[in-house]
Amino acid sequence: LDEYAFGGLKAGARGFLLKDAQPSELTAAIRAVA
């Protein structure tokens, strides 16, 4: 649905995940970004 979400990376986001990511994928991304 969110075809313009790529703009979030250009706006300064450090990570990008789909909402259906597995819990392990979510927590690993948070630790990596932190």
Full PDB file with SEQRES, HELIX, SHEET, SSBOND, CRYST1, ORIGX, SCALE, CONECT and MASTER records, all heavy atoms in Angstrom:
SEQRES   1 A   34  LEU ASP GLU TYR ALA PHE GLY GLY LEU LYS ALA GLY ALA          
SEQRES   2 A   34  ARG GLY PHE LEU LEU LYS ASP ALA GLN PRO SER GLU LEU          
SEQRES   3 A   34  THR ALA ALA ILE ARG ALA VAL ALA                              
HELIX    1 AA1 PHE A    6  LYS A   10  1                                   5    
HELIX    2 AA2 PRO A   23  VAL A   33  1                                  11    
CRYST1    1.000    1.000    1.000  90.00  90.00  90.00 P 1           1          
ORIGX1      1.000000  0.000000  0.000000        0.00000                         
ORIGX2      0.000000  1.000000  0.000000        0.00000                         
ORIGX3      0.000000  0.000000  1.000000        0.00000                         
SCALE1      1.000000  0.000000  0.000000        0.00000                         
SCALE2      0.000000  1.000000  0.000000        0.00000                         
SCALE3      0.000000  0.000000  1.000000        0.00000                         
ATOM      1  N   LEU A   1       0.810  -1.208   0.000  1.00  0.00           N  
ATOM      2  CA  LEU A   1       0.000   0.000   0.000  1.00  0.00           C  
ATOM      3  C   LEU A   1       0.848   1.265   0.000  1.00  0.00           C  
ATOM      4  O   LEU A   1       0.474   2.273  -0.568  1.00  0.00           O  
ATOM      5  CB  LEU A   1      -0.913   0.017   1.238  1.00  0.00           C  
ATOM      6  CG  LEU A   1      -1.941  -1.107   1.328  1.00  0.00           C  
ATOM      7  CD1 LEU A   1      -2.681  -1.033   2.650  1.00  0.00           C  
ATOM      8  CD2 LEU A   1      -2.924  -1.016   0.175  1.00  0.00           C  
ATOM      9  N   ASP A   2       2.011   1.197   0.635  1.00  0.00           N  
ATOM     10  CA  ASP A   2       2.807   2.395   0.873  1.00  0.00           C  
ATOM     11  C   ASP A   2       3.940   2.532  -0.137  1.00  0.00           C  
ATOM     12  O   ASP A   2       5.104   2.338   0.176  1.00  0.00           O  
ATOM     13  CB  ASP A   2       3.373   2.369   2.299  1.00  0.00           C  
ATOM     14  CG  ASP A   2       2.270   2.229   3.335  1.00  0.00           C  
ATOM     15  OD1 ASP A   2       1.186   2.757   3.116  1.00  0.00           O  
ATOM     16  OD2 ASP A   2       2.509   1.575   4.347  1.00  0.00           O  
ATOM     17  N   GLU A   3       3.584   2.880  -1.360  1.00  0.00           N  
ATOM     18  CA  GLU A   3       4.586   2.929  -2.426  1.00  0.00           C  
ATOM     19  C   GLU A   3       5.584   4.056  -2.253  1.00  0.00           C  
ATOM     20  O   GLU A   3       6.637   4.059  -2.875  1.00  0.00           O  
ATOM     21  CB  GLU A   3       3.891   3.037  -3.786  1.00  0.00           C  
ATOM     22  CG  GLU A   3       3.053   1.804  -4.121  1.00  0.00           C  
ATOM     23  CD  GLU A   3       2.588   1.806  -5.558  1.00  0.00           C  
ATOM     24  OE1 GLU A   3       2.920   2.761  -6.278  1.00  0.00           O  
ATOM     25  OE2 GLU A   3       1.892   0.852  -5.938  1.00  0.00           O  
ATOM     26  N   TYR A   4       5.265   5.027  -1.398  1.00  0.00           N  
ATOM     27  CA  TYR A   4       6.182   6.148  -1.214  1.00  0.00           C  
ATOM     28  C   TYR A   4       7.019   5.997   0.052  1.00  0.00           C  
ATOM     29  O   TYR A   4       7.716   6.918   0.457  1.00  0.00           O  
ATOM     30  CB  TYR A   4       5.395   7.458  -1.182  1.00  0.00           C  
ATOM     31  CG  TYR A   4       4.661   7.708  -2.475  1.00  0.00           C  
ATOM     32  CD1 TYR A   4       3.304   7.466  -2.580  1.00  0.00           C  
ATOM     33  CD2 TYR A   4       5.348   8.146  -3.612  1.00  0.00           C  
ATOM     34  CE1 TYR A   4       2.634   7.661  -3.782  1.00  0.00           C  
ATOM     35  CE2 TYR A   4       4.681   8.342  -4.823  1.00  0.00           C  
ATOM     36  CZ  TYR A   4       3.327   8.100  -4.894  1.00  0.00           C  
ATOM     37  OH  TYR A   4       2.674   8.286  -6.087  1.00  0.00           O  
ATOM     38  N   ALA A   5       6.966   4.821   0.655  1.00  0.00           N  
ATOM     39  CA  ALA A   5       7.699   4.609   1.893  1.00  0.00           C  
ATOM     40  C   ALA A   5       9.206   4.700   1.687  1.00  0.00           C  
ATOM     41  O   ALA A   5       9.951   4.988   2.628  1.00  0.00           O  
ATOM     42  CB  ALA A   5       7.341   3.240   2.478  1.00  0.00           C  
ATOM     43  N   PHE A   6       9.676   4.462   0.468  1.00  0.00           N  
ATOM     44  CA  PHE A   6      11.096   4.604   0.153  1.00  0.00           C  
ATOM     45  C   PHE A   6      11.603   5.991   0.550  1.00  0.00           C  
ATOM     46  O   PHE A   6      12.760   6.172   0.921  1.00  0.00           O  
ATOM     47  CB  PHE A   6      11.290   4.386  -1.346  1.00  0.00           C  
ATOM     48  CG  PHE A   6      12.710   4.488  -1.828  1.00  0.00           C  
ATOM     49  CD1 PHE A   6      13.676   3.591  -1.415  1.00  0.00           C  
ATOM     50  CD2 PHE A   6      13.064   5.478  -2.730  1.00  0.00           C  
ATOM     51  CE1 PHE A   6      14.982   3.686  -1.891  1.00  0.00           C  
ATOM     52  CE2 PHE A   6      14.365   5.574  -3.212  1.00  0.00           C  
ATOM     53  CZ  PHE A   6      15.318   4.669  -2.779  1.00  0.00           C  
ATOM     54  N   GLY A   7      10.710   6.974   0.492  1.00  0.00           N  
ATOM     55  CA  GLY A   7      11.080   8.327   0.878  1.00  0.00           C  
ATOM     56  C   GLY A   7      11.526   8.412   2.317  1.00  0.00           C  
ATOM     57  O   GLY A   7      12.265   9.331   2.687  1.00  0.00           O  
ATOM     58  N   GLY A   8      11.098   7.472   3.142  1.00  0.00           N  
ATOM     59  CA  GLY A   8      11.514   7.465   4.537  1.00  0.00           C  
ATOM     60  C   GLY A   8      13.010   7.277   4.692  1.00  0.00           C  
ATOM     61  O   GLY A   8      13.642   7.871   5.577  1.00  0.00           O  
ATOM     62  N   LEU A   9      13.593   6.446   3.832  1.00  0.00           N  
ATOM     63  CA  LEU A   9      15.035   6.244   3.874  1.00  0.00           C  
ATOM     64  C   LEU A   9      15.751   7.533   3.481  1.00  0.00           C  
ATOM     65  O   LEU A   9      16.746   7.920   4.092  1.00  0.00           O  
ATOM     66  CB  LEU A   9      15.441   5.109   2.932  1.00  0.00           C  
ATOM     67  CG  LEU A   9      14.941   3.714   3.310  1.00  0.00           C  
ATOM     68  CD1 LEU A   9      15.376   2.707   2.250  1.00  0.00           C  
ATOM     69  CD2 LEU A   9      15.447   3.297   4.668  1.00  0.00           C  
ATOM     70  N   LYS A  10      15.232   8.188   2.466  1.00  0.00           N  
ATOM     71  CA  LYS A  10      15.849   9.436   2.035  1.00  0.00           C  
ATOM     72  C   LYS A  10      15.664  10.531   3.082  1.00  0.00           C  
ATOM     73  O   LYS A  10      16.446  11.480   3.145  1.00  0.00           O  
ATOM     74  CB  LYS A  10      15.257   9.883   0.702  1.00  0.00           C  
ATOM     75  CG  LYS A  10      15.518   8.894  -0.433  1.00  0.00           C  
ATOM     76  CD  LYS A  10      15.034   9.417  -1.753  1.00  0.00           C  
ATOM     77  CE  LYS A  10      15.916  10.542  -2.247  1.00  0.00           C  
ATOM     78  NZ  LYS A  10      15.527  11.008  -3.604  1.00  0.00           N  
ATOM     79  N   ALA A  11      14.623  10.391   3.905  1.00  0.00           N  
ATOM     80  CA  ALA A  11      14.366  11.382   4.949  1.00  0.00           C  
ATOM     81  C   ALA A  11      15.273  11.188   6.162  1.00  0.00           C  
ATOM     82  O   ALA A  11      15.274  12.019   7.058  1.00  0.00           O  
ATOM     83  CB  ALA A  11      12.897  11.321   5.380  1.00  0.00           C  
ATOM     84  N   GLY A  12      16.017  10.086   6.186  1.00  0.00           N  
ATOM     85  CA  GLY A  12      16.961   9.893   7.280  1.00  0.00           C  
ATOM     86  C   GLY A  12      16.785   8.631   8.096  1.00  0.00           C  
ATOM     87  O   GLY A  12      17.509   8.420   9.073  1.00  0.00           O  
ATOM     88  N   ALA A  13      15.825   7.777   7.724  1.00  0.00           N  
ATOM     89  CA  ALA A  13      15.636   6.529   8.471  1.00  0.00           C  
ATOM     90  C   ALA A  13      16.855   5.630   8.330  1.00  0.00           C  
ATOM     91  O   ALA A  13      17.538   5.644   7.303  1.00  0.00           O  
ATOM     92  CB  ALA A  13      14.387   5.795   7.976  1.00  0.00           C  
ATOM     93  N   ARG A  14      17.131   4.863   9.364  1.00  0.00           N  
ATOM     94  CA  ARG A  14      18.282   3.965   9.361  1.00  0.00           C  
ATOM     95  C   ARG A  14      17.905   2.524   9.046  1.00  0.00           C  
ATOM     96  O   ARG A  14      18.769   1.680   8.864  1.00  0.00           O  
ATOM     97  CB  ARG A  14      18.971   3.999  10.730  1.00  0.00           C  
ATOM     98  CG  ARG A  14      19.568   5.346  11.091  1.00  0.00           C  
ATOM     99  CD  ARG A  14      20.722   5.703  10.171  1.00  0.00           C  
ATOM    100  NE  ARG A  14      21.411   6.907  10.610  1.00  0.00           N  
ATOM    101  CZ  ARG A  14      22.462   6.919  11.417  1.00  0.00           C  
ATOM    102  NH1 ARG A  14      22.948   5.780  11.881  1.00  0.00           N  
ATOM    103  NH2 ARG A  14      23.031   8.041  11.778  1.00  0.00           N  
ATOM    104  N   GLY A  15      16.618   2.247   9.001  1.00  0.00           N  
ATOM    105  CA  GLY A  15      16.186   0.881   8.731  1.00  0.00           C  
ATOM    106  C   GLY A  15      14.827   0.871   8.066  1.00  0.00           C  
ATOM    107  O   GLY A  15      14.110   1.878   8.045  1.00  0.00           O  
ATOM    108  N   PHE A  16      14.479  -0.275   7.509  1.00  0.00           N  
ATOM    109  CA  PHE A  16      13.248  -0.399   6.745  1.00  0.00           C  
ATOM    110  C   PHE A  16      12.753  -1.832   6.891  1.00  0.00           C  
ATOM    111  O   PHE A  16      13.443  -2.766   6.502  1.00  0.00           O  
ATOM    112  CB  PHE A  16      13.551  -0.092   5.280  1.00  0.00           C  
ATOM    113  CG  PHE A  16      12.379   0.390   4.496  1.00  0.00           C  
ATOM    114  CD1 PHE A  16      12.329   1.696   4.053  1.00  0.00           C  
ATOM    115  CD2 PHE A  16      11.329  -0.456   4.196  1.00  0.00           C  
ATOM    116  CE1 PHE A  16      11.241   2.150   3.306  1.00  0.00           C  
ATOM    117  CE2 PHE A  16      10.257  -0.021   3.464  1.00  0.00           C  
ATOM    118  CZ  PHE A  16      10.213   1.300   3.023  1.00  0.00           C  
ATOM    119  N   LEU A  17      11.574  -2.007   7.471  1.00  0.00           N  
ATOM    120  CA  LEU A  17      11.035  -3.346   7.693  1.00  0.00           C  
ATOM    121  C   LEU A  17       9.585  -3.425   7.237  1.00  0.00           C  
ATOM    122  O   LEU A  17       8.839  -2.450   7.328  1.00  0.00           O  
ATOM    123  CB  LEU A  17      11.091  -3.716   9.176  1.00  0.00           C  
ATOM    124  CG  LEU A  17      12.426  -4.128   9.787  1.00  0.00           C  
ATOM    125  CD1 LEU A  17      12.244  -4.342  11.283  1.00  0.00           C  
ATOM    126  CD2 LEU A  17      12.963  -5.400   9.136  1.00  0.00           C  
ATOM    127  N   LEU A  18       9.197  -4.593   6.769  1.00  0.00           N  
ATOM    128  CA  LEU A  18       7.792  -4.849   6.497  1.00  0.00           C  
ATOM    129  C   LEU A  18       7.093  -5.179   7.813  1.00  0.00           C  
ATOM    130  O   LEU A  18       7.682  -5.753   8.727  1.00  0.00           O  
ATOM    131  CB  LEU A  18       7.642  -6.012   5.521  1.00  0.00           C  
ATOM    132  CG  LEU A  18       8.310  -5.831   4.159  1.00  0.00           C  
ATOM    133  CD1 LEU A  18       8.029  -7.042   3.281  1.00  0.00           C  
ATOM    134  CD2 LEU A  18       7.853  -4.554   3.479  1.00  0.00           C  
ATOM    135  N   LYS A  19       5.815  -4.805   7.908  1.00  0.00           N  
ATOM    136  CA  LYS A  19       5.088  -4.999   9.162  1.00  0.00           C  
ATOM    137  C   LYS A  19       4.907  -6.465   9.529  1.00  0.00           C  
ATOM    138  O   LYS A  19       4.659  -6.790  10.690  1.00  0.00           O  
ATOM    139  CB  LYS A  19       3.727  -4.307   9.083  1.00  0.00           C  
ATOM    140  CG  LYS A  19       3.816  -2.790   9.144  1.00  0.00           C  
ATOM    141  CD  LYS A  19       2.432  -2.184   9.137  1.00  0.00           C  
ATOM    142  CE  LYS A  19       2.508  -0.671   9.220  1.00  0.00           C  
ATOM    143  NZ  LYS A  19       1.158  -0.058   9.189  1.00  0.00           N  
ATOM    144  N   ASP A  20       5.014  -7.346   8.540  1.00  0.00           N  
ATOM    145  CA  ASP A  20       4.856  -8.769   8.849  1.00  0.00           C  
ATOM    146  C   ASP A  20       6.191  -9.448   9.141  1.00  0.00           C  
ATOM    147  O   ASP A  20       6.303 -10.670   9.122  1.00  0.00           O  
ATOM    148  CB  ASP A  20       4.132  -9.496   7.721  1.00  0.00           C  
ATOM    149  CG  ASP A  20       4.922  -9.473   6.407  1.00  0.00           C  
ATOM    150  OD1 ASP A  20       5.979  -8.805   6.335  1.00  0.00           O  
ATOM    151  OD2 ASP A  20       4.472 -10.134   5.448  1.00  0.00           O  
ATOM    152  N   ALA A  21       7.219  -8.643   9.436  1.00  0.00           N  
ATOM    153  CA  ALA A  21       8.528  -9.209   9.780  1.00  0.00           C  
ATOM    154  C   ALA A  21       8.405 -10.088  11.013  1.00  0.00           C  
ATOM    155  O   ALA A  21       7.604  -9.827  11.915  1.00  0.00           O  
ATOM    156  CB  ALA A  21       9.529  -8.083  10.038  1.00  0.00           C  
ATOM    157  N   GLN A  22       9.192 -11.153  11.051  1.00  0.00           N  
ATOM    158  CA  GLN A  22       9.210 -12.030  12.212  1.00  0.00           C  
ATOM    159  C   GLN A  22       9.770 -11.274  13.420  1.00  0.00           C  
ATOM    160  O   GLN A  22      10.594 -10.368  13.272  1.00  0.00           O  
ATOM    161  CB  GLN A  22      10.071 -13.263  11.927  1.00  0.00           C  
ATOM    162  CG  GLN A  22       9.522 -14.169  10.849  1.00  0.00           C  
ATOM    163  CD  GLN A  22       8.180 -14.758  11.228  1.00  0.00           C  
ATOM    164  OE1 GLN A  22       8.000 -15.278  12.336  1.00  0.00           O  
ATOM    165  NE2 GLN A  22       7.216 -14.674  10.325  1.00  0.00           N  
ATOM    166  N   PRO A  23       9.328 -11.635  14.636  1.00  0.00           N  
ATOM    167  CA  PRO A  23       9.848 -10.963  15.834  1.00  0.00           C  
ATOM    168  C   PRO A  23      11.370 -10.938  15.902  1.00  0.00           C  
ATOM    169  O   PRO A  23      11.957  -9.922  16.286  1.00  0.00           O  
ATOM    170  CB  PRO A  23       9.252 -11.791  16.987  1.00  0.00           C  
ATOM    171  CG  PRO A  23       7.965 -12.306  16.425  1.00  0.00           C  
ATOM    172  CD  PRO A  23       8.267 -12.609  14.984  1.00  0.00           C  
ATOM    173  N   SER A  24      12.017 -12.024  15.505  1.00  0.00           N  
ATOM    174  CA  SER A  24      13.479 -12.072  15.539  1.00  0.00           C  
ATOM    175  C   SER A  24      14.083 -11.077  14.564  1.00  0.00           C  
ATOM    176  O   SER A  24      15.134 -10.470  14.828  1.00  0.00           O  
ATOM    177  CB  SER A  24      13.974 -13.484  15.216  1.00  0.00           C  
ATOM    178  OG  SER A  24      13.531 -13.898  13.932  1.00  0.00           O  
ATOM    179  N   GLU A  25      13.425 -10.891  13.403  1.00  0.00           N  
ATOM    180  CA  GLU A  25      13.896  -9.929  12.407  1.00  0.00           C  
ATOM    181  C   GLU A  25      13.741  -8.506  12.930  1.00  0.00           C  
ATOM    182  O   GLU A  25      14.622  -7.657  12.749  1.00  0.00           O  
ATOM    183  CB  GLU A  25      13.115 -10.103  11.105  1.00  0.00           C  
ATOM    184  CG  GLU A  25      13.633  -9.267   9.941  1.00  0.00           C  
ATOM    185  CD  GLU A  25      12.838  -9.496   8.664  1.00  0.00           C  
ATOM    186  OE1 GLU A  25      11.861 -10.280   8.681  1.00  0.00           O  
ATOM    187  OE2 GLU A  25      13.185  -8.879   7.638  1.00  0.00           O  
ATOM    188  N   LEU A  26      12.621  -8.250  13.608  1.00  0.00           N  
ATOM    189  CA  LEU A  26      12.366  -6.928  14.170  1.00  0.00           C  
ATOM    190  C   LEU A  26      13.386  -6.580  15.250  1.00  0.00           C  
ATOM    191  O   LEU A  26      13.987  -5.498  15.223  1.00  0.00           O  
ATOM    192  CB  LEU A  26      10.953  -6.885  14.758  1.00  0.00           C  
ATOM    193  CG  LEU A  26      10.568  -5.611  15.506  1.00  0.00           C  
ATOM    194  CD1 LEU A  26      10.524  -4.420  14.566  1.00  0.00           C  
ATOM    195  CD2 LEU A  26       9.207  -5.798  16.190  1.00  0.00           C  
ATOM    196  N   THR A  27      13.590  -7.501  16.193  1.00  0.00           N  
ATOM    197  CA  THR A  27      14.517  -7.211  17.285  1.00  0.00           C  
ATOM    198  C   THR A  27      15.953  -7.105  16.791  1.00  0.00           C  
ATOM    199  O   THR A  27      16.725  -6.279  17.286  1.00  0.00           O  
ATOM    200  CB  THR A  27      14.420  -8.281  18.378  1.00  0.00           C  
ATOM    201  OG1 THR A  27      14.625  -9.591  17.808  1.00  0.00           O  
ATOM    202  CG2 THR A  27      13.053  -8.257  19.047  1.00  0.00           C  
ATOM    203  N   ALA A  28      16.319  -7.914  15.791  1.00  0.00           N  
ATOM    204  CA  ALA A  28      17.673  -7.831  15.237  1.00  0.00           C  
ATOM    205  C   ALA A  28      17.886  -6.484  14.554  1.00  0.00           C  
ATOM    206  O   ALA A  28      18.957  -5.878  14.675  1.00  0.00           O  
ATOM    207  CB  ALA A  28      17.906  -8.966  14.241  1.00  0.00           C  
ATOM    208  N   ALA A  29      16.868  -5.991  13.851  1.00  0.00           N  
ATOM    209  CA  ALA A  29      16.975  -4.698  13.177  1.00  0.00           C  
ATOM    210  C   ALA A  29      17.129  -3.575  14.192  1.00  0.00           C  
ATOM    211  O   ALA A  29      17.936  -2.664  14.007  1.00  0.00           O  
ATOM    212  CB  ALA A  29      15.745  -4.463  12.313  1.00  0.00           C  
ATOM    213  N   ILE A  30      16.376  -3.637  15.277  1.00  0.00           N  
ATOM    214  CA  ILE A  30      16.464  -2.598  16.313  1.00  0.00           C  
ATOM    215  C   ILE A  30      17.853  -2.596  16.929  1.00  0.00           C  
ATOM    216  O   ILE A  30      18.465  -1.535  17.115  1.00  0.00           O  
ATOM    217  CB  ILE A  30      15.393  -2.818  17.397  1.00  0.00           C  
ATOM    218  CG1 ILE A  30      14.004  -2.579  16.803  1.00  0.00           C  
ATOM    219  CG2 ILE A  30      15.629  -1.893  18.588  1.00  0.00           C  
ATOM    220  CD1 ILE A  30      12.871  -2.941  17.734  1.00  0.00           C  
ATOM    221  N   ARG A  31      18.387  -3.775  17.228  1.00  0.00           N  
ATOM    222  CA  ARG A  31      19.725  -3.841  17.832  1.00  0.00           C  
ATOM    223  C   ARG A  31      20.786  -3.322  16.866  1.00  0.00           C  
ATOM    224  O   ARG A  31      21.720  -2.641  17.262  1.00  0.00           O  
ATOM    225  CB  ARG A  31      20.037  -5.275  18.260  1.00  0.00           C  
ATOM    226  CG  ARG A  31      19.204  -5.743  19.446  1.00  0.00           C  
ATOM    227  CD  ARG A  31      19.694  -7.077  20.007  1.00  0.00           C  
ATOM    228  NE  ARG A  31      18.917  -7.445  21.179  1.00  0.00           N  
ATOM    229  CZ  ARG A  31      17.871  -8.261  21.159  1.00  0.00           C  
ATOM    230  NH1 ARG A  31      17.485  -8.805  20.005  1.00  0.00           N  
ATOM    231  NH2 ARG A  31      17.202  -8.540  22.269  1.00  0.00           N  
ATOM    232  N   ALA A  32      20.639  -3.669  15.581  1.00  0.00           N  
ATOM    233  CA  ALA A  32      21.612  -3.210  14.587  1.00  0.00           C  
ATOM    234  C   ALA A  32      21.591  -1.690  14.466  1.00  0.00           C  
ATOM    235  O   ALA A  32      22.634  -1.028  14.476  1.00  0.00           O  
ATOM    236  CB  ALA A  32      21.317  -3.853  13.227  1.00  0.00           C  
ATOM    237  N   VAL A  33      20.395  -1.132  14.379  1.00  0.00           N  
ATOM    238  CA  VAL A  33      20.258   0.314  14.231  1.00  0.00           C  
ATOM    239  C   VAL A  33      20.724   1.029  15.500  1.00  0.00           C  
ATOM    240  O   VAL A  33      21.383   2.066  15.437  1.00  0.00           O  
ATOM    241  CB  VAL A  33      18.792   0.669  13.889  1.00  0.00           C  
ATOM    242  CG1 VAL A  33      18.545   2.157  14.033  1.00  0.00           C  
ATOM    243  CG2 VAL A  33      18.468   0.216  12.472  1.00  0.00           C  
ATOM    244  N   ALA A  34      20.403   0.472  16.661  1.00  0.00           N  
ATOM    245  CA  ALA A  34      20.820   1.084  17.927  1.00  0.00           C  
ATOM    246  C   ALA A  34      22.336   1.109  18.059  1.00  0.00           C  
ATOM    247  O   ALA A  34      22.890   2.014  18.693  1.00  0.00           O  
ATOM    248  CB  ALA A  34      20.201   0.331  19.105  1.00  0.00           C  
TER     249      ALA A  34                                                      
MASTER        0    0    0    2    0    0    0    6  248    1    0    3          
END                                                                             
